[in-house]
């Protein structure tokens, strides 16, 4: 009989390299995404985009969102109550809507491999869903509350937030085992999460109204 040695996660403090916000008239950040040039943040009643170099707001769209945001290369997706809206970023028009798998208890959102990936906060799960129908394709279990979710270079990362403790963790997409962990400072939470596809994660800060850029560890 063979036994499998549990993987020991590497743990280090998160390196916050920049903070953005709070943004004028807004006191919370829910979802966060990156379109290759700008960072988008769902701030309650609207979506706003800002230049990560200058920090200046460049766009706003009137679209309410209370959880995750993502970009598929052409369109934005936003969790709004119990649905996920597909949005034309040029006009703000909603092109299509599907039911969110948590029925209103959803958290993070990201796009990868032709699918949407949706965090379930208290259920500690990440669902891969069909972007056309909302049908669940598979489910990954976590051992912590799941906030933001992102894929980058084949790595699956998600945020956690329980009490005053929050971190970013890379998990095995098959077993859910934690492989890496970046611990945020005490009292600094992570709501939304998205990679810029290079060296940074962008993290929504919930009721702080801030977005924080965190350095991503080099791929192992």
N, C-alpha and C. Protein backbone atom coordinates (compact mmCIF):
# COMPACT_ATOMS: atom_id res chain seq x y z
N UNK A 1 0.86 -1.19 0.00
CA UNK A 1 0.00 0.00 0.00
C UNK A 1 0.89 1.24 0.00
N UNK A 2 0.61 2.17 -0.94
CA UNK A 2 1.39 3.39 -1.00
C UNK A 2 0.60 4.53 -0.38
N UNK A 3 1.32 5.45 0.20
CA UNK A 3 0.68 6.63 0.78
C UNK A 3 1.21 7.86 0.08
N UNK A 4 0.37 8.86 -0.02
CA UNK A 4 0.75 10.11 -0.66
C UNK A 4 1.13 11.13 0.40
N UNK A 5 2.32 11.68 0.26
CA UNK A 5 2.76 12.70 1.21
C UNK A 5 2.02 14.00 0.94
N UNK A 6 1.36 14.58 1.95
CA UNK A 6 0.65 15.83 1.72
C UNK A 6 1.60 16.93 1.26
N UNK A 7 1.11 17.75 0.34
CA UNK A 7 1.91 18.86 -0.15
C UNK A 7 1.95 19.94 0.92
N UNK A 8 3.16 20.42 1.23
CA UNK A 8 3.30 21.50 2.20
C UNK A 8 3.34 22.83 1.44
N UNK A 9 2.37 23.68 1.70
CA UNK A 9 2.28 24.95 0.99
C UNK A 9 3.43 25.88 1.40
N UNK A 10 3.94 26.62 0.43
CA UNK A 10 4.88 27.69 0.75
C UNK A 10 4.09 28.91 1.18
N UNK A 11 4.52 29.54 2.26
CA UNK A 11 3.79 30.67 2.84
C UNK A 11 4.73 31.86 2.95
N UNK A 12 4.28 33.02 2.52
CA UNK A 12 5.07 34.24 2.65
C UNK A 12 4.11 35.42 2.79
N UNK A 13 4.59 36.55 3.31
CA UNK A 13 3.73 37.74 3.36
C UNK A 13 3.45 38.25 1.94
N UNK A 14 2.25 38.74 1.73
CA UNK A 14 1.92 39.37 0.46
C UNK A 14 2.70 40.68 0.35
N UNK A 15 3.25 40.94 -0.83
CA UNK A 15 3.97 42.19 -1.07
C UNK A 15 3.04 43.15 -1.81
N UNK A 16 2.47 44.09 -1.08
CA UNK A 16 1.59 45.09 -1.68
C UNK A 16 2.46 46.19 -2.27
N UNK A 17 2.38 46.37 -3.58
CA UNK A 17 3.26 47.32 -4.24
C UNK A 17 2.59 48.66 -4.52
N UNK A 18 1.26 48.70 -4.50
CA UNK A 18 0.56 49.97 -4.72
C UNK A 18 -0.88 49.84 -4.27
N UNK A 19 -1.44 50.96 -3.83
CA UNK A 19 -2.86 51.04 -3.50
C UNK A 19 -3.52 52.10 -4.37
N UNK A 20 -4.77 51.83 -4.78
CA UNK A 20 -5.57 52.77 -5.55
C UNK A 20 -6.88 53.03 -4.80
N UNK A 21 -7.37 54.28 -4.90
CA UNK A 21 -8.63 54.61 -4.24
C UNK A 21 -8.41 55.05 -2.80
N UNK A 22 -9.51 55.28 -2.06
CA UNK A 22 -10.89 55.14 -2.52
C UNK A 22 -11.21 56.10 -3.68
N UNK A 23 -12.19 55.68 -4.48
CA UNK A 23 -12.56 56.43 -5.66
C UNK A 23 -13.68 57.41 -5.32
N UNK A 24 -13.73 58.52 -6.03
CA UNK A 24 -14.67 59.60 -5.70
C UNK A 24 -16.10 59.09 -5.55
N UNK A 25 -16.65 59.32 -4.37
CA UNK A 25 -18.04 58.98 -4.13
C UNK A 25 -18.32 57.52 -3.89
N UNK A 26 -17.28 56.68 -3.85
CA UNK A 26 -17.47 55.24 -3.69
C UNK A 26 -16.76 54.77 -2.41
N UNK A 27 -17.41 53.85 -1.70
CA UNK A 27 -16.84 53.40 -0.43
C UNK A 27 -16.64 51.90 -0.34
N UNK A 28 -16.71 51.21 -1.51
CA UNK A 28 -16.47 49.78 -1.48
C UNK A 28 -15.99 49.32 -2.86
N UNK A 29 -15.28 48.19 -2.87
CA UNK A 29 -14.88 47.55 -4.12
C UNK A 29 -15.29 46.08 -4.01
N UNK A 30 -16.06 45.62 -4.98
CA UNK A 30 -16.49 44.23 -5.00
C UNK A 30 -15.61 43.44 -5.97
N UNK A 31 -16.01 43.35 -7.23
CA UNK A 31 -15.20 42.62 -8.20
C UNK A 31 -14.11 43.48 -8.80
N UNK A 32 -13.06 42.80 -9.33
CA UNK A 32 -11.94 43.46 -9.99
C UNK A 32 -11.54 42.62 -11.20
N UNK A 33 -11.20 43.28 -12.32
CA UNK A 33 -10.64 42.56 -13.45
C UNK A 33 -9.65 43.45 -14.18
N UNK A 34 -9.01 42.89 -15.20
CA UNK A 34 -7.97 43.59 -15.97
C UNK A 34 -8.21 43.25 -17.43
N UNK A 35 -8.26 44.30 -18.28
CA UNK A 35 -8.58 44.05 -19.69
C UNK A 35 -7.34 44.08 -20.59
N UNK A 36 -6.16 43.99 -19.98
CA UNK A 36 -4.92 44.06 -20.74
C UNK A 36 -4.27 45.43 -20.70
N UNK A 37 -5.08 46.45 -20.38
CA UNK A 37 -4.56 47.81 -20.25
C UNK A 37 -5.05 48.48 -18.98
N UNK A 38 -6.35 48.37 -18.72
CA UNK A 38 -6.97 49.03 -17.58
C UNK A 38 -7.40 48.02 -16.53
N UNK A 39 -7.52 48.48 -15.31
CA UNK A 39 -8.15 47.71 -14.24
C UNK A 39 -9.60 48.18 -14.12
N UNK A 40 -10.53 47.22 -14.04
CA UNK A 40 -11.94 47.52 -13.82
C UNK A 40 -12.31 47.10 -12.41
N UNK A 41 -13.15 47.91 -11.78
CA UNK A 41 -13.61 47.60 -10.43
C UNK A 41 -15.12 47.82 -10.35
N UNK A 42 -15.80 46.87 -9.76
CA UNK A 42 -17.22 47.02 -9.46
C UNK A 42 -17.32 47.70 -8.10
N UNK A 43 -17.93 48.90 -8.09
CA UNK A 43 -17.95 49.70 -6.86
C UNK A 43 -19.38 49.94 -6.37
N UNK A 44 -20.26 48.99 -6.65
CA UNK A 44 -21.64 49.08 -6.17
C UNK A 44 -22.59 49.40 -7.29
N UNK A 45 -22.87 50.69 -7.52
CA UNK A 45 -23.84 51.08 -8.53
C UNK A 45 -23.23 51.19 -9.92
N UNK A 46 -21.91 51.09 -10.02
CA UNK A 46 -21.29 51.23 -11.33
C UNK A 46 -20.00 50.44 -11.43
N UNK A 47 -19.54 50.31 -12.66
CA UNK A 47 -18.22 49.77 -12.96
C UNK A 47 -17.33 50.94 -13.36
N UNK A 48 -16.11 50.95 -12.85
CA UNK A 48 -15.18 51.99 -13.29
C UNK A 48 -13.88 51.34 -13.71
N UNK A 49 -13.22 52.00 -14.66
CA UNK A 49 -11.90 51.56 -15.12
C UNK A 49 -10.88 52.62 -14.75
N UNK A 50 -9.67 52.17 -14.38
CA UNK A 50 -8.62 53.14 -14.10
C UNK A 50 -7.30 52.67 -14.70
N UNK A 51 -6.45 53.65 -14.96
CA UNK A 51 -5.12 53.40 -15.51
C UNK A 51 -4.21 52.97 -14.35
N UNK A 52 -3.64 51.76 -14.40
CA UNK A 52 -2.82 51.31 -13.27
C UNK A 52 -1.52 52.08 -13.12
N UNK A 53 -1.09 52.80 -14.16
CA UNK A 53 0.14 53.60 -14.05
C UNK A 53 -0.13 54.91 -13.32
N UNK A 54 -1.21 55.59 -13.68
CA UNK A 54 -1.50 56.90 -13.09
C UNK A 54 -2.50 56.83 -11.94
N UNK A 55 -3.31 55.77 -11.92
CA UNK A 55 -4.37 55.66 -10.93
C UNK A 55 -5.61 56.45 -11.28
N UNK A 56 -5.62 57.13 -12.43
CA UNK A 56 -6.74 57.98 -12.82
C UNK A 56 -7.88 57.15 -13.42
N UNK A 57 -9.12 57.49 -13.03
CA UNK A 57 -10.29 56.84 -13.59
C UNK A 57 -10.44 57.24 -15.06
N UNK A 58 -10.64 56.25 -15.93
CA UNK A 58 -10.72 56.50 -17.36
C UNK A 58 -12.10 56.26 -17.94
N UNK A 59 -12.88 55.39 -17.29
CA UNK A 59 -14.22 55.06 -17.79
C UNK A 59 -15.13 54.77 -16.61
N UNK A 60 -16.43 54.99 -16.80
CA UNK A 60 -17.43 54.50 -15.85
C UNK A 60 -18.61 53.97 -16.64
N UNK A 61 -19.21 52.90 -16.16
CA UNK A 61 -20.43 52.34 -16.74
C UNK A 61 -21.45 52.21 -15.63
N UNK A 62 -22.67 52.59 -15.92
CA UNK A 62 -23.75 52.46 -14.94
C UNK A 62 -24.25 51.02 -14.95
N UNK A 63 -23.68 50.23 -14.07
CA UNK A 63 -24.10 48.84 -13.96
C UNK A 63 -23.81 48.37 -12.54
N UNK A 64 -24.87 48.03 -11.83
CA UNK A 64 -24.71 47.59 -10.44
C UNK A 64 -24.08 46.21 -10.38
N UNK A 65 -23.23 46.02 -9.37
CA UNK A 65 -22.61 44.72 -9.15
C UNK A 65 -22.23 44.56 -7.70
N UNK A 66 -22.51 43.39 -7.15
CA UNK A 66 -22.22 43.19 -5.73
C UNK A 66 -21.23 42.07 -5.48
N UNK A 67 -20.59 41.58 -6.56
CA UNK A 67 -19.58 40.53 -6.40
C UNK A 67 -18.65 40.59 -7.60
N UNK A 68 -18.19 39.43 -8.10
CA UNK A 68 -17.09 39.34 -9.04
C UNK A 68 -17.32 39.99 -10.40
N UNK A 69 -16.19 40.33 -11.02
CA UNK A 69 -16.12 40.97 -12.34
C UNK A 69 -15.04 40.25 -13.14
N UNK A 70 -15.24 40.08 -14.45
CA UNK A 70 -14.16 39.54 -15.27
C UNK A 70 -14.28 40.02 -16.70
N UNK A 71 -13.25 39.72 -17.50
CA UNK A 71 -13.15 40.15 -18.89
C UNK A 71 -12.67 38.96 -19.71
N UNK A 72 -13.35 38.68 -20.85
CA UNK A 72 -12.99 37.50 -21.64
C UNK A 72 -12.16 37.82 -22.87
N UNK A 73 -11.69 39.07 -22.97
CA UNK A 73 -10.96 39.49 -24.16
C UNK A 73 -11.78 40.43 -25.02
N UNK A 74 -13.12 40.36 -24.88
CA UNK A 74 -14.02 41.25 -25.62
C UNK A 74 -15.09 41.86 -24.73
N UNK A 75 -15.57 41.10 -23.77
CA UNK A 75 -16.71 41.52 -22.97
C UNK A 75 -16.40 41.46 -21.48
N UNK A 76 -17.09 42.30 -20.73
CA UNK A 76 -17.07 42.22 -19.28
C UNK A 76 -18.20 41.30 -18.82
N UNK A 77 -17.97 40.64 -17.69
CA UNK A 77 -19.02 39.87 -17.01
C UNK A 77 -19.09 40.37 -15.58
N UNK A 78 -20.31 40.52 -15.08
CA UNK A 78 -20.51 41.07 -13.75
C UNK A 78 -21.59 40.29 -13.00
N UNK A 79 -21.24 39.85 -11.77
CA UNK A 79 -22.25 39.24 -10.92
C UNK A 79 -23.10 40.34 -10.31
N UNK A 80 -24.40 40.25 -10.54
CA UNK A 80 -25.37 41.20 -10.00
C UNK A 80 -26.50 40.40 -9.37
N UNK A 81 -26.55 40.41 -8.04
CA UNK A 81 -27.54 39.62 -7.30
C UNK A 81 -27.43 38.16 -7.70
N UNK A 82 -28.46 37.58 -8.29
CA UNK A 82 -28.46 36.14 -8.58
C UNK A 82 -28.18 35.83 -10.05
N UNK A 83 -27.58 36.78 -10.77
CA UNK A 83 -27.31 36.55 -12.19
C UNK A 83 -25.91 37.03 -12.54
N UNK A 84 -25.45 36.59 -13.72
CA UNK A 84 -24.19 37.08 -14.28
C UNK A 84 -24.52 37.74 -15.60
N UNK A 85 -24.19 39.03 -15.73
CA UNK A 85 -24.47 39.79 -16.95
C UNK A 85 -23.23 39.87 -17.83
N UNK A 86 -23.43 39.67 -19.11
CA UNK A 86 -22.39 39.87 -20.12
C UNK A 86 -22.58 41.27 -20.69
N UNK A 87 -21.53 42.10 -20.62
CA UNK A 87 -21.65 43.53 -20.88
C UNK A 87 -20.72 43.95 -22.01
N UNK A 88 -21.24 44.79 -22.92
CA UNK A 88 -20.41 45.43 -23.94
C UNK A 88 -19.66 46.58 -23.27
N UNK A 89 -18.32 46.51 -23.15
CA UNK A 89 -17.60 47.57 -22.44
C UNK A 89 -17.62 48.91 -23.17
N UNK A 90 -17.94 48.91 -24.46
CA UNK A 90 -17.98 50.17 -25.21
C UNK A 90 -19.23 50.97 -24.89
N UNK A 91 -20.35 50.27 -24.65
CA UNK A 91 -21.64 50.95 -24.46
C UNK A 91 -22.25 50.74 -23.08
N UNK A 92 -21.82 49.67 -22.38
CA UNK A 92 -22.45 49.31 -21.12
C UNK A 92 -23.70 48.47 -21.27
N UNK A 93 -24.07 48.15 -22.51
CA UNK A 93 -25.28 47.36 -22.74
C UNK A 93 -25.10 45.93 -22.26
N UNK A 94 -26.16 45.37 -21.66
CA UNK A 94 -26.16 43.97 -21.26
C UNK A 94 -26.57 43.13 -22.47
N UNK A 95 -25.68 42.24 -22.89
CA UNK A 95 -25.89 41.43 -24.08
C UNK A 95 -26.55 40.10 -23.78
N UNK A 96 -26.34 39.60 -22.55
CA UNK A 96 -26.85 38.27 -22.19
C UNK A 96 -26.75 38.12 -20.69
N UNK A 97 -27.64 37.34 -20.11
CA UNK A 97 -27.57 37.07 -18.67
C UNK A 97 -27.81 35.58 -18.43
N UNK A 98 -27.11 35.05 -17.43
CA UNK A 98 -27.29 33.65 -17.02
C UNK A 98 -27.46 33.62 -15.50
N UNK A 99 -28.08 32.57 -14.96
CA UNK A 99 -28.18 32.47 -13.51
C UNK A 99 -26.82 32.20 -12.88
N UNK A 100 -26.53 32.88 -11.78
CA UNK A 100 -25.31 32.60 -11.03
C UNK A 100 -25.50 31.31 -10.23
N UNK A 101 -24.48 30.47 -10.13
CA UNK A 101 -24.67 29.15 -9.51
C UNK A 101 -25.06 29.21 -8.04
N UNK A 102 -24.66 30.28 -7.35
CA UNK A 102 -24.99 30.39 -5.93
C UNK A 102 -26.31 31.06 -5.64
N UNK A 103 -27.01 31.48 -6.70
CA UNK A 103 -28.31 32.08 -6.51
C UNK A 103 -28.28 33.35 -5.67
N UNK A 104 -27.19 34.11 -5.76
CA UNK A 104 -27.06 35.33 -4.99
C UNK A 104 -26.04 35.25 -3.88
N UNK A 105 -25.47 34.08 -3.67
CA UNK A 105 -24.42 33.89 -2.66
C UNK A 105 -23.06 33.65 -3.33
N UNK A 106 -22.84 34.33 -4.43
CA UNK A 106 -21.62 34.16 -5.22
C UNK A 106 -20.59 35.22 -4.84
N UNK A 107 -19.33 34.95 -5.17
CA UNK A 107 -18.27 35.89 -4.80
C UNK A 107 -17.43 36.22 -6.02
N UNK A 108 -16.26 35.56 -6.18
CA UNK A 108 -15.33 35.90 -7.25
C UNK A 108 -15.77 35.40 -8.61
N UNK A 109 -15.15 35.97 -9.65
CA UNK A 109 -15.47 35.60 -11.03
C UNK A 109 -14.23 35.79 -11.88
N UNK A 110 -13.93 34.79 -12.73
CA UNK A 110 -12.85 34.95 -13.69
C UNK A 110 -13.18 34.16 -14.95
N UNK A 111 -12.41 34.41 -16.00
CA UNK A 111 -12.58 33.75 -17.30
C UNK A 111 -11.31 32.95 -17.60
N UNK A 112 -11.46 31.69 -18.01
CA UNK A 112 -10.33 30.87 -18.44
C UNK A 112 -10.86 29.67 -19.19
N UNK A 113 -10.12 29.25 -20.21
CA UNK A 113 -10.42 28.01 -20.93
C UNK A 113 -11.85 27.99 -21.47
N UNK A 114 -12.34 29.16 -21.91
CA UNK A 114 -13.68 29.22 -22.47
C UNK A 114 -14.80 29.09 -21.47
N UNK A 115 -14.49 29.21 -20.19
CA UNK A 115 -15.48 29.07 -19.13
C UNK A 115 -15.41 30.25 -18.17
N UNK A 116 -16.51 30.45 -17.46
CA UNK A 116 -16.50 31.32 -16.30
C UNK A 116 -16.24 30.47 -15.07
N UNK A 117 -15.49 31.02 -14.12
CA UNK A 117 -15.18 30.35 -12.86
C UNK A 117 -15.71 31.24 -11.74
N UNK A 118 -16.58 30.67 -10.91
CA UNK A 118 -17.32 31.46 -9.94
C UNK A 118 -17.04 30.95 -8.53
N UNK A 119 -16.62 31.87 -7.66
CA UNK A 119 -16.41 31.50 -6.26
C UNK A 119 -17.72 31.46 -5.49
N UNK A 120 -17.79 30.53 -4.55
CA UNK A 120 -18.92 30.42 -3.61
C UNK A 120 -18.35 30.67 -2.22
N UNK A 121 -18.64 31.83 -1.67
CA UNK A 121 -17.96 32.31 -0.47
C UNK A 121 -18.06 31.32 0.69
N UNK A 122 -19.22 31.21 1.29
CA UNK A 122 -19.36 30.37 2.48
C UNK A 122 -19.36 28.87 2.16
N UNK A 123 -19.69 28.52 0.93
CA UNK A 123 -19.66 27.10 0.54
C UNK A 123 -18.24 26.62 0.27
N UNK A 124 -17.29 27.53 0.20
CA UNK A 124 -15.88 27.19 0.00
C UNK A 124 -15.67 26.37 -1.27
N UNK A 125 -16.26 26.87 -2.36
CA UNK A 125 -16.17 26.16 -3.63
C UNK A 125 -15.88 27.13 -4.77
N UNK A 126 -15.35 26.57 -5.86
CA UNK A 126 -15.19 27.29 -7.11
C UNK A 126 -15.86 26.45 -8.19
N UNK A 127 -16.79 27.03 -8.91
CA UNK A 127 -17.49 26.32 -9.99
C UNK A 127 -16.99 26.79 -11.35
N UNK A 128 -16.74 25.85 -12.23
CA UNK A 128 -16.52 26.14 -13.65
C UNK A 128 -17.88 26.04 -14.32
N UNK A 129 -18.32 27.13 -14.98
CA UNK A 129 -19.66 27.12 -15.57
C UNK A 129 -19.63 27.49 -17.05
N UNK A 130 -20.67 27.06 -17.76
CA UNK A 130 -20.87 27.38 -19.16
C UNK A 130 -21.30 28.85 -19.27
N UNK A 131 -20.55 29.69 -20.01
CA UNK A 131 -20.91 31.10 -20.07
C UNK A 131 -22.19 31.39 -20.84
N UNK A 132 -22.67 30.42 -21.61
CA UNK A 132 -23.90 30.63 -22.38
C UNK A 132 -25.14 30.26 -21.58
N UNK A 133 -25.01 29.24 -20.70
CA UNK A 133 -26.20 28.72 -20.01
C UNK A 133 -26.12 28.81 -18.49
N UNK A 134 -24.91 28.90 -17.94
CA UNK A 134 -24.74 28.86 -16.49
C UNK A 134 -24.62 27.46 -15.93
N UNK A 135 -24.70 26.43 -16.79
CA UNK A 135 -24.59 25.05 -16.32
C UNK A 135 -23.22 24.81 -15.70
N UNK A 136 -23.20 24.10 -14.57
CA UNK A 136 -21.95 23.81 -13.87
C UNK A 136 -21.23 22.66 -14.57
N UNK A 137 -19.97 22.89 -14.93
CA UNK A 137 -19.17 21.88 -15.60
C UNK A 137 -18.35 21.05 -14.60
N UNK A 138 -17.84 21.69 -13.57
CA UNK A 138 -17.19 20.96 -12.49
C UNK A 138 -17.04 21.89 -11.29
N UNK A 139 -16.69 21.31 -10.14
CA UNK A 139 -16.59 22.05 -8.90
C UNK A 139 -15.30 21.68 -8.19
N UNK A 140 -14.60 22.69 -7.69
CA UNK A 140 -13.37 22.51 -6.92
C UNK A 140 -13.64 22.95 -5.49
N UNK A 141 -13.25 22.13 -4.53
CA UNK A 141 -13.45 22.43 -3.12
C UNK A 141 -12.23 23.16 -2.55
N UNK A 142 -12.48 24.14 -1.71
CA UNK A 142 -11.42 24.81 -0.97
C UNK A 142 -11.62 24.55 0.52
N UNK A 143 -10.64 24.91 1.34
CA UNK A 143 -10.80 24.73 2.78
C UNK A 143 -10.98 26.06 3.50
N UNK A 144 -11.19 27.13 2.71
CA UNK A 144 -11.43 28.46 3.28
C UNK A 144 -12.54 29.14 2.50
N UNK A 145 -13.12 30.18 3.11
CA UNK A 145 -14.09 30.99 2.38
C UNK A 145 -13.42 31.52 1.11
N UNK A 146 -14.14 31.46 0.00
CA UNK A 146 -13.61 31.88 -1.30
C UNK A 146 -14.14 33.26 -1.66
N UNK A 147 -13.22 34.20 -1.93
CA UNK A 147 -13.64 35.51 -2.43
C UNK A 147 -13.27 35.57 -3.91
N UNK A 148 -12.28 36.39 -4.29
CA UNK A 148 -11.91 36.50 -5.69
C UNK A 148 -11.25 35.25 -6.23
N UNK A 149 -11.32 35.08 -7.56
CA UNK A 149 -10.77 33.91 -8.25
C UNK A 149 -10.03 34.39 -9.51
N UNK A 150 -8.88 33.79 -9.81
CA UNK A 150 -8.20 34.10 -11.06
C UNK A 150 -7.34 32.92 -11.51
N UNK A 151 -7.19 32.78 -12.81
CA UNK A 151 -6.25 31.85 -13.42
C UNK A 151 -5.14 32.65 -14.08
N UNK A 152 -3.89 32.19 -13.97
CA UNK A 152 -2.78 32.81 -14.67
C UNK A 152 -1.71 31.76 -14.92
N UNK A 153 -1.28 31.62 -16.17
CA UNK A 153 -0.23 30.67 -16.54
C UNK A 153 -0.53 29.26 -16.02
N UNK A 154 -1.77 28.85 -16.12
CA UNK A 154 -2.17 27.51 -15.69
C UNK A 154 -2.30 27.35 -14.19
N UNK A 155 -2.15 28.43 -13.42
CA UNK A 155 -2.28 28.39 -11.97
C UNK A 155 -3.63 28.95 -11.55
N UNK A 156 -4.30 28.26 -10.63
CA UNK A 156 -5.57 28.72 -10.08
C UNK A 156 -5.32 29.34 -8.71
N UNK A 157 -5.68 30.61 -8.56
CA UNK A 157 -5.54 31.34 -7.31
C UNK A 157 -6.90 31.81 -6.84
N UNK A 158 -7.08 31.89 -5.53
CA UNK A 158 -8.28 32.54 -5.03
C UNK A 158 -7.97 33.30 -3.75
N UNK A 159 -8.81 34.29 -3.49
CA UNK A 159 -8.69 35.06 -2.26
C UNK A 159 -9.51 34.44 -1.15
N UNK A 160 -9.13 34.72 0.08
CA UNK A 160 -9.92 34.31 1.24
C UNK A 160 -10.11 35.53 2.14
N UNK A 161 -11.14 35.46 2.96
CA UNK A 161 -11.39 36.55 3.91
C UNK A 161 -12.28 36.00 5.01
N UNK A 162 -11.70 35.78 6.17
CA UNK A 162 -12.44 35.31 7.34
C UNK A 162 -12.01 36.14 8.54
N UNK A 163 -12.93 36.91 9.09
CA UNK A 163 -12.59 37.79 10.20
C UNK A 163 -11.58 38.82 9.78
N UNK A 164 -10.47 38.93 10.53
CA UNK A 164 -9.40 39.86 10.18
C UNK A 164 -8.32 39.24 9.31
N UNK A 165 -8.50 37.97 8.93
CA UNK A 165 -7.47 37.24 8.18
C UNK A 165 -7.88 37.09 6.73
N UNK A 166 -6.94 37.38 5.85
CA UNK A 166 -7.17 37.27 4.42
C UNK A 166 -5.87 36.88 3.74
N UNK A 167 -5.98 36.08 2.69
CA UNK A 167 -4.78 35.72 1.93
C UNK A 167 -5.13 35.42 0.49
N UNK A 168 -4.09 35.27 -0.32
CA UNK A 168 -4.19 34.77 -1.68
C UNK A 168 -3.56 33.40 -1.68
N UNK A 169 -4.22 32.43 -2.30
CA UNK A 169 -3.66 31.09 -2.28
C UNK A 169 -3.78 30.43 -3.64
N UNK A 170 -2.71 29.76 -4.02
CA UNK A 170 -2.74 28.93 -5.24
C UNK A 170 -3.11 27.52 -4.84
N UNK A 171 -4.11 26.97 -5.50
CA UNK A 171 -4.56 25.63 -5.17
C UNK A 171 -4.44 24.69 -6.36
N UNK A 172 -4.32 23.42 -6.06
CA UNK A 172 -4.34 22.38 -7.10
C UNK A 172 -5.74 22.34 -7.69
N UNK A 173 -5.90 22.54 -9.00
CA UNK A 173 -7.25 22.60 -9.58
C UNK A 173 -7.99 21.28 -9.58
N UNK A 174 -7.29 20.20 -9.22
CA UNK A 174 -7.95 18.89 -9.16
C UNK A 174 -8.31 18.51 -7.73
N UNK A 175 -7.36 18.67 -6.82
CA UNK A 175 -7.59 18.23 -5.44
C UNK A 175 -8.02 19.36 -4.50
N UNK A 176 -7.75 20.61 -4.89
CA UNK A 176 -8.02 21.73 -4.01
C UNK A 176 -6.93 21.97 -2.98
N UNK A 177 -5.88 21.15 -2.98
CA UNK A 177 -4.78 21.31 -2.02
C UNK A 177 -4.11 22.66 -2.20
N UNK A 178 -3.74 23.29 -1.10
CA UNK A 178 -3.08 24.60 -1.14
C UNK A 178 -1.61 24.39 -1.46
N UNK A 179 -1.12 25.08 -2.50
CA UNK A 179 0.27 24.95 -2.94
C UNK A 179 1.12 26.16 -2.54
N UNK A 180 0.52 27.34 -2.57
CA UNK A 180 1.21 28.57 -2.17
C UNK A 180 0.22 29.47 -1.46
N UNK A 181 0.75 30.30 -0.54
CA UNK A 181 -0.12 31.24 0.18
C UNK A 181 0.60 32.55 0.38
N UNK A 182 -0.08 33.63 0.10
CA UNK A 182 0.42 34.97 0.36
C UNK A 182 -0.48 35.60 1.40
N UNK A 183 0.05 35.82 2.59
CA UNK A 183 -0.75 36.35 3.69
C UNK A 183 -0.83 37.87 3.63
N UNK A 184 -2.05 38.40 3.61
CA UNK A 184 -2.24 39.84 3.66
C UNK A 184 -2.01 40.35 5.08
N UNK A 185 -1.66 41.63 5.24
CA UNK A 185 -1.53 42.18 6.59
C UNK A 185 -2.84 42.07 7.37
N UNK A 186 -2.76 41.97 8.68
CA UNK A 186 -3.95 41.86 9.52
C UNK A 186 -4.91 43.00 9.23
N UNK A 187 -6.18 42.66 9.06
CA UNK A 187 -7.20 43.66 8.82
C UNK A 187 -7.34 44.11 7.38
N UNK A 188 -6.49 43.60 6.48
CA UNK A 188 -6.57 43.95 5.06
C UNK A 188 -7.22 42.79 4.31
N UNK A 189 -8.45 43.01 3.84
CA UNK A 189 -9.20 41.93 3.21
C UNK A 189 -9.08 41.92 1.70
N UNK A 190 -9.45 40.78 1.12
CA UNK A 190 -9.47 40.61 -0.33
C UNK A 190 -10.90 40.27 -0.74
N UNK A 191 -11.49 41.13 -1.55
CA UNK A 191 -12.80 40.81 -2.12
C UNK A 191 -12.56 40.28 -3.54
N UNK A 192 -12.51 41.13 -4.54
CA UNK A 192 -12.22 40.66 -5.89
C UNK A 192 -10.74 40.37 -6.09
N UNK A 193 -10.44 39.59 -7.15
CA UNK A 193 -9.06 39.22 -7.47
C UNK A 193 -8.93 38.98 -8.96
N UNK A 194 -7.87 39.54 -9.57
CA UNK A 194 -7.55 39.24 -10.95
C UNK A 194 -6.07 39.45 -11.18
N UNK A 195 -5.47 38.61 -12.02
CA UNK A 195 -4.09 38.79 -12.45
C UNK A 195 -4.05 39.71 -13.65
N UNK A 196 -2.93 40.41 -13.81
CA UNK A 196 -2.73 41.19 -15.03
C UNK A 196 -2.07 40.36 -16.12
N UNK A 197 -1.90 39.05 -15.86
CA UNK A 197 -1.27 38.17 -16.83
C UNK A 197 0.24 38.23 -16.80
N UNK A 198 0.78 39.04 -15.89
CA UNK A 198 2.24 39.19 -15.79
C UNK A 198 2.64 39.06 -14.32
N UNK A 199 3.09 40.15 -13.71
CA UNK A 199 3.68 40.04 -12.39
C UNK A 199 2.84 40.53 -11.24
N UNK A 200 1.56 40.89 -11.49
CA UNK A 200 0.76 41.46 -10.43
C UNK A 200 -0.60 40.80 -10.31
N UNK A 201 -1.12 40.79 -9.07
CA UNK A 201 -2.52 40.55 -8.81
C UNK A 201 -3.16 41.88 -8.42
N UNK A 202 -4.40 42.10 -8.85
CA UNK A 202 -5.18 43.24 -8.38
C UNK A 202 -6.27 42.71 -7.46
N UNK A 203 -6.33 43.28 -6.26
CA UNK A 203 -7.20 42.77 -5.21
C UNK A 203 -8.18 43.85 -4.76
N UNK A 204 -9.47 43.55 -4.86
CA UNK A 204 -10.47 44.44 -4.28
C UNK A 204 -10.37 44.42 -2.77
N UNK A 205 -10.61 45.57 -2.16
CA UNK A 205 -10.46 45.69 -0.72
C UNK A 205 -11.76 45.87 0.04
N UNK A 206 -12.89 45.44 -0.57
CA UNK A 206 -14.16 45.50 0.14
C UNK A 206 -14.50 46.90 0.60
N UNK A 207 -14.88 47.02 1.89
CA UNK A 207 -15.35 48.29 2.44
C UNK A 207 -14.25 49.33 2.60
N UNK A 208 -12.98 48.98 2.37
CA UNK A 208 -11.91 49.98 2.38
C UNK A 208 -12.03 50.91 1.18
N UNK A 209 -12.73 50.46 0.13
CA UNK A 209 -12.85 51.24 -1.09
C UNK A 209 -11.60 51.26 -1.94
N UNK A 210 -10.64 50.39 -1.62
CA UNK A 210 -9.36 50.40 -2.33
C UNK A 210 -9.19 49.17 -3.22
N UNK A 211 -8.31 49.32 -4.20
CA UNK A 211 -7.77 48.20 -4.97
C UNK A 211 -6.28 48.17 -4.67
N UNK A 212 -5.77 46.98 -4.39
CA UNK A 212 -4.35 46.84 -4.07
C UNK A 212 -3.66 45.95 -5.11
N UNK A 213 -2.49 46.39 -5.55
CA UNK A 213 -1.66 45.58 -6.43
C UNK A 213 -0.69 44.78 -5.57
N UNK A 214 -0.70 43.45 -5.75
CA UNK A 214 0.15 42.54 -4.98
C UNK A 214 1.08 41.82 -5.96
N UNK A 215 2.36 41.77 -5.62
CA UNK A 215 3.32 41.11 -6.51
C UNK A 215 3.05 39.60 -6.54
N UNK A 216 2.99 39.09 -7.76
CA UNK A 216 2.77 37.65 -7.94
C UNK A 216 4.10 36.91 -7.90
N UNK A 217 4.19 35.82 -7.13
CA UNK A 217 5.44 35.04 -7.12
C UNK A 217 5.73 34.47 -8.50
N UNK A 218 6.99 34.33 -8.83
CA UNK A 218 7.36 33.72 -10.09
C UNK A 218 6.86 32.28 -10.12
N UNK A 219 6.37 31.86 -11.27
CA UNK A 219 5.85 30.50 -11.41
C UNK A 219 6.93 29.49 -11.05
N UNK A 220 6.52 28.47 -10.30
CA UNK A 220 7.47 27.44 -9.87
C UNK A 220 7.70 26.44 -10.99
